[in-house]
Amino acid sequence: KKLAEDFMAVNIPEIVVYPLEGTYLQWWDCRGLGMDYKELEHFMKHNAHLILDEGYIFGETGKGFERINLACPAHVLQAALERLSDALKKR
């Protein structure tokens, strides 16, 4: 699914999306948003209303990353991306 990659490139270039490697789990490098990992977790949950896998649970080098499960209909992913974009605009 290139939907998230294409959306981020146009709307939220501060988030680097890693290409899928034969799975439905995608990594987002959110360090360009300027939040520490706890602020990022709070923002995603309470502002963007997204529950993602926090990168820090995978170790120190995961801080600032999010992992998203793309195993959903495209319209659900699109809505999630738009919520994220809207929340960042309000920040």
Protein backbone atom coordinates (compact mmCIF):
# COMPACT_ATOMS: atom_id res chain seq x y z
CA LYS A 1 0.00 0.00 0.00
CA LYS A 2 1.52 3.26 -1.14
CA LEU A 3 -1.39 5.28 0.22
CA ALA A 4 0.43 6.31 3.41
CA GLU A 5 3.72 6.94 1.58
CA ASP A 6 2.07 9.18 -0.99
CA PHE A 7 -0.08 10.99 1.58
CA MET A 8 2.89 11.78 3.82
CA ALA A 9 5.04 12.94 0.94
CA VAL A 10 2.41 15.52 -0.04
CA ASN A 11 0.82 16.45 3.30
CA ILE A 12 3.26 15.64 6.12
CA PRO A 13 6.80 15.48 4.70
CA GLU A 14 8.21 15.65 8.25
CA ILE A 15 7.20 12.00 8.64
CA VAL A 16 9.37 9.58 6.68
CA VAL A 17 7.52 6.43 5.66
CA TYR A 18 9.53 3.27 5.21
CA PRO A 19 8.49 1.10 2.27
CA LEU A 20 6.76 -2.16 3.12
CA GLU A 21 8.92 -5.26 3.15
CA GLY A 22 6.43 -8.03 2.44
CA THR A 23 4.15 -7.25 5.38
CA TYR A 24 1.19 -5.08 6.31
CA LEU A 25 3.10 -3.32 9.12
CA GLN A 26 4.63 0.00 8.14
CA TRP A 27 7.16 2.13 10.01
CA TRP A 28 6.89 5.91 10.22
CA ASP A 29 9.87 7.98 11.33
CA CYS A 30 8.19 10.83 13.20
CA ARG A 31 11.33 12.43 14.63
CA GLY A 32 10.93 15.32 12.18
CA LEU A 33 7.84 16.42 14.13
CA GLY A 34 10.05 17.64 16.97
CA MET A 35 8.38 15.66 19.78
CA ASP A 36 10.05 13.31 22.20
CA TYR A 37 8.70 9.78 22.20
CA LYS A 38 6.28 10.32 25.10
CA GLU A 39 4.89 13.53 23.56
CA LEU A 40 4.51 11.67 20.27
CA GLU A 41 2.57 8.85 21.94
CA HIS A 42 0.27 11.34 23.70
CA PHE A 43 -0.25 13.35 20.51
CA MET A 44 -1.11 10.29 18.41
CA LYS A 45 -3.55 8.95 20.99
CA HIS A 46 -5.22 12.15 22.22
CA ASN A 47 -4.95 14.56 19.29
CA ALA A 48 -4.87 12.41 16.16
CA HIS A 49 -6.94 9.63 17.79
CA LEU A 50 -4.62 6.93 16.50
CA ILE A 51 -3.51 3.90 18.48
CA LEU A 52 -0.25 2.78 16.89
CA ASP A 53 2.62 0.59 17.99
CA GLU A 54 5.03 2.96 19.69
CA GLY A 55 8.55 2.49 18.39
CA TYR A 56 10.13 2.71 21.84
CA ILE A 57 8.57 -0.63 22.82
CA PHE A 58 10.99 -2.20 20.34
CA GLY A 59 14.05 -0.65 21.99
CA GLU A 60 15.98 2.58 22.33
CA THR A 61 16.46 3.04 18.58
CA GLY A 62 12.69 2.92 18.09
CA LYS A 63 12.08 6.18 19.94
CA GLY A 64 10.37 8.65 17.63
CA PHE A 65 8.98 5.95 15.37
CA GLU A 66 5.45 4.62 15.00
CA ARG A 67 4.38 1.31 13.47
CA ILE A 68 0.98 1.16 11.81
CA ASN A 69 -1.04 -1.87 10.79
CA LEU A 70 -2.23 -1.34 7.21
CA ALA A 71 -4.52 -4.39 7.16
CA CYS A 72 -7.67 -2.33 6.75
CA PRO A 73 -9.80 -0.90 3.94
CA ALA A 74 -8.23 2.05 2.11
CA HIS A 75 -10.98 4.43 3.29
CA VAL A 76 -10.15 3.63 6.93
CA LEU A 77 -6.45 4.34 6.37
CA GLN A 78 -7.30 7.53 4.46
CA ALA A 79 -9.46 8.74 7.38
CA ALA A 80 -6.64 8.01 9.84
CA LEU A 81 -4.13 9.93 7.72
CA GLU A 82 -6.48 12.89 7.47
CA ARG A 83 -7.01 12.88 11.25
CA LEU A 84 -3.25 12.95 11.71
CA SER A 85 -2.85 15.79 9.22
CA ASP A 86 -5.67 17.81 10.82
CA ALA A 87 -4.23 17.30 14.32
CA LEU A 88 -0.80 18.49 13.18
CA LYS A 89 -2.32 21.61 11.62
CA LYS A 90 -3.95 22.43 14.97
CA ARG A 91 -0.72 21.91 16.89
